[in-house]
Amino acid sequence: MMESKDYEFRLVERADELNLFEWRSDPVTVARSLFPEPTQDEHDAWMFRGVCDPRIKRVIYDEAYPQQFDGTTRMMSVGQVTIRAYYGPAGDALQCPFQVGPAYRKQGVGTRMMTRLHGLLLGPRVAHVKPENEASRKILAACGFVEIDPTELWDRYRFTVRDGLIGLFRDPNTQ
């Protein structure tokens, strides 16, 4: 497993659009996703919502990878998280659906990305995961999420974390 030397979260940019479309269209991603394979028009609308809706922040997770030809490191986009306000029957929370680029799966990227992200977020979070999506369930468990009432919310699994630190979002009820 590659040990990450450096990482960053940054807002999605227009230059990321093709990469994200390819990731979202990947057969493994589609099989694990709550949503069907996107058309180009659906992807364009998804990107537009991420830019225009103030409740949504789409971030890219970049990690430094060593370059074999000269020994330097290069930041590579390896994952993406959509952070959005979720207003549900159990209360308000942040929902953070995520994906790892196909070339970076099974290397611990998803766990590092989500552990680091959840260390930055404040307040409760929820995630909806297909029951058969073992990879995402393991990542969320590593972040401290616990399964609650699997029949709730579209018969999907619902996870929650009840603690957090200051970061990308601030709870208006907390200093």
Protein backbone atom coordinates (compact mmCIF):
# COMPACT_ATOMS: atom_id res chain seq x y z
CA MET A 1 0.00 0.00 0.00
CA MET A 2 1.28 3.45 -0.92
CA GLU A 3 1.90 5.68 2.05
CA SER A 4 0.58 9.15 1.28
CA LYS A 5 3.19 11.86 1.71
CA ASP A 6 0.91 14.76 0.97
CA TYR A 7 -2.72 15.42 0.11
CA GLU A 8 -5.20 18.23 -0.43
CA PHE A 9 -8.90 18.82 -0.85
CA ARG A 10 -9.81 21.38 -3.47
CA LEU A 11 -13.03 22.52 -5.09
CA VAL A 12 -13.93 20.76 -8.32
CA GLU A 13 -12.88 22.78 -11.36
CA ARG A 14 -14.05 22.70 -14.95
CA ALA A 15 -10.84 20.81 -15.84
CA ASP A 16 -12.04 17.91 -13.64
CA GLU A 17 -15.27 17.40 -15.58
CA LEU A 18 -14.10 14.70 -18.04
CA ASN A 19 -12.26 12.76 -15.33
CA LEU A 20 -15.36 12.79 -13.10
CA PHE A 21 -17.62 11.70 -15.96
CA GLU A 22 -15.29 8.75 -16.62
CA TRP A 23 -15.23 7.84 -12.92
CA ARG A 24 -19.02 8.10 -12.60
CA SER A 25 -19.49 6.01 -15.77
CA ASP A 26 -17.12 3.24 -14.64
CA PRO A 27 -19.04 -0.09 -14.46
CA VAL A 28 -17.91 -0.79 -10.86
CA THR A 29 -18.93 2.72 -9.78
CA VAL A 30 -22.32 2.35 -11.47
CA ALA A 31 -22.90 -1.05 -9.85
CA ARG A 32 -22.14 0.34 -6.37
CA SER A 33 -23.90 3.67 -6.87
CA LEU A 34 -27.38 4.58 -5.75
CA PHE A 35 -27.86 6.13 -9.20
CA PRO A 36 -27.71 4.70 -12.72
CA GLU A 37 -24.92 5.42 -15.19
CA PRO A 38 -25.15 9.12 -16.09
CA THR A 39 -25.65 10.43 -19.59
CA GLN A 40 -23.48 13.37 -20.61
CA ASP A 41 -26.47 15.71 -20.10
CA GLU A 42 -27.12 14.31 -16.61
CA HIS A 43 -23.45 14.69 -15.74
CA ASP A 44 -23.44 18.29 -17.00
CA ALA A 45 -26.49 19.03 -14.81
CA TRP A 46 -24.75 17.35 -11.82
CA MET A 47 -21.67 19.53 -12.35
CA PHE A 48 -23.83 22.66 -12.73
CA ARG A 49 -25.72 21.94 -9.47
CA GLY A 50 -22.39 21.57 -7.67
CA VAL A 51 -21.38 25.04 -8.78
CA CYS A 52 -24.69 26.86 -8.37
CA ASP A 53 -26.30 25.34 -5.28
CA PRO A 54 -24.84 26.90 -2.10
CA ARG A 55 -25.76 23.76 -0.12
CA ILE A 56 -23.41 21.65 -2.26
CA LYS A 57 -19.62 21.61 -2.35
CA ARG A 58 -17.87 19.17 -4.66
CA VAL A 59 -14.26 18.57 -3.75
CA ILE A 60 -11.44 16.65 -5.37
CA TYR A 61 -9.04 14.70 -3.21
CA ASP A 62 -5.48 14.86 -4.55
CA GLU A 63 -2.58 12.79 -3.25
CA ALA A 64 1.13 13.12 -3.97
CA TYR A 65 2.50 10.19 -5.94
CA PRO A 66 6.20 9.62 -6.63
CA GLN A 67 7.22 9.87 -10.27
CA GLN A 68 9.45 6.99 -11.31
CA PHE A 69 11.37 8.86 -13.99
CA ASP A 70 12.82 11.63 -11.81
CA GLY A 71 11.95 10.84 -8.18
CA THR A 72 9.74 13.91 -7.74
CA THR A 73 6.14 13.76 -6.57
CA ARG A 74 3.07 14.86 -8.46
CA MET A 75 -0.40 15.62 -7.13
CA MET A 76 -2.86 13.18 -8.67
CA SER A 77 -6.65 13.44 -8.46
CA VAL A 78 -7.66 10.16 -6.85
CA GLY A 79 -11.11 10.77 -5.37
CA GLN A 80 -14.12 13.06 -5.20
CA VAL A 81 -16.60 13.92 -2.45
CA THR A 82 -19.84 15.84 -2.71
CA ILE A 83 -20.61 17.59 0.57
CA ARG A 84 -24.21 18.72 0.86
CA ALA A 85 -26.68 19.76 3.47
CA TYR A 86 -29.13 16.95 4.16
CA TYR A 87 -32.47 17.63 5.77
CA GLY A 88 -33.94 14.35 6.90
CA PRO A 89 -36.49 12.90 9.28
CA ALA A 90 -33.81 12.28 11.93
CA GLY A 91 -32.53 15.87 11.76
CA ASP A 92 -30.13 17.94 9.71
CA ALA A 93 -26.73 16.63 8.74
CA LEU A 94 -24.08 16.70 6.05
CA GLN A 95 -24.25 13.99 3.44
CA CYS A 96 -20.95 13.10 1.80
CA PRO A 97 -21.23 10.67 -1.13
CA PHE A 98 -17.80 9.82 -2.48
CA GLN A 99 -15.98 7.97 -5.19
CA VAL A 100 -12.42 6.79 -5.74
CA GLY A 101 -10.93 6.85 -9.23
CA PRO A 102 -10.88 3.33 -10.70
CA ALA A 103 -7.07 3.26 -10.97
CA TYR A 104 -6.72 4.03 -7.25
CA ARG A 105 -9.12 1.51 -5.72
CA LYS A 106 -7.96 -1.13 -3.24
CA GLN A 107 -4.99 1.01 -2.19
CA GLY A 108 -6.50 2.61 0.92
CA VAL A 109 -7.30 5.86 -0.91
CA GLY A 110 -11.00 5.85 0.04
CA THR A 111 -10.24 5.29 3.71
CA ARG A 112 -7.55 7.99 3.80
CA MET A 113 -9.76 10.44 1.89
CA MET A 114 -12.85 9.97 4.04
CA THR A 115 -10.96 9.78 7.35
CA ARG A 116 -9.20 13.06 6.54
CA LEU A 117 -12.41 14.70 5.34
CA HIS A 118 -14.39 13.68 8.41
CA GLY A 119 -11.62 15.07 10.59
CA LEU A 120 -12.40 18.46 9.04
CA LEU A 121 -16.19 18.42 9.17
CA LEU A 122 -18.31 19.64 12.04
CA GLY A 123 -21.62 18.18 13.08
CA PRO A 124 -23.56 15.05 12.23
CA ARG A 125 -23.07 13.31 8.91
CA VAL A 126 -25.09 10.69 7.06
CA ALA A 127 -24.28 8.35 4.21
CA HIS A 128 -26.60 6.20 2.15
CA VAL A 129 -24.99 3.03 0.84
CA LYS A 130 -26.29 0.02 -1.04
CA PRO A 131 -26.22 -3.00 1.27
CA GLU A 132 -23.96 -4.89 -1.15
CA ASN A 133 -21.40 -2.05 -1.38
CA GLU A 134 -18.90 -3.61 1.04
CA ALA A 135 -16.03 -1.26 0.07
CA SER A 136 -17.96 1.88 1.02
CA ARG A 137 -19.35 0.28 4.17
CA LYS A 138 -15.81 -0.60 5.32
CA ILE A 139 -14.57 2.92 4.58
CA LEU A 140 -17.44 4.48 6.51
CA ALA A 141 -16.91 2.10 9.44
CA ALA A 142 -13.24 3.18 9.52
CA CYS A 143 -14.51 6.77 9.85
CA GLY A 144 -16.62 5.88 12.87
CA PHE A 145 -19.99 5.56 11.14
CA VAL A 146 -22.41 3.08 12.62
CA GLU A 147 -25.35 1.44 10.90
CA ILE A 148 -28.76 2.52 12.12
CA ASP A 149 -32.21 1.37 11.01
CA PRO A 150 -31.46 -0.26 7.64
CA THR A 151 -35.12 -0.01 6.58
CA GLU A 152 -35.13 3.79 6.78
CA LEU A 153 -34.55 6.08 3.79
CA TRP A 154 -35.27 4.25 0.53
CA ASP A 155 -34.36 0.87 2.05
CA ARG A 156 -30.71 1.93 1.98
CA TYR A 157 -28.24 1.85 4.82
CA ARG A 158 -27.94 5.00 6.87
CA PHE A 159 -24.82 5.79 8.84
CA THR A 160 -24.13 8.65 11.19
CA VAL A 161 -21.23 10.17 13.06
CA ARG A 162 -22.10 12.30 16.04
CA ASP A 163 -18.83 14.14 16.61
CA GLY A 164 -16.53 16.28 14.50
CA LEU A 165 -14.09 19.14 14.39
CA ILE A 166 -14.10 22.58 12.81
CA GLY A 167 -13.57 22.56 9.06
CA LEU A 168 -15.32 22.92 5.75
CA PHE A 169 -18.72 23.47 7.35
CA ARG A 170 -19.56 25.09 10.67
CA ASP A 171 -22.57 24.22 12.70
CA PRO A 172 -24.47 27.52 13.15
CA ASN A 173 -25.37 26.40 16.70
CA THR A 174 -21.73 25.94 17.66
CA GLN A 175 -18.85 28.39 17.98
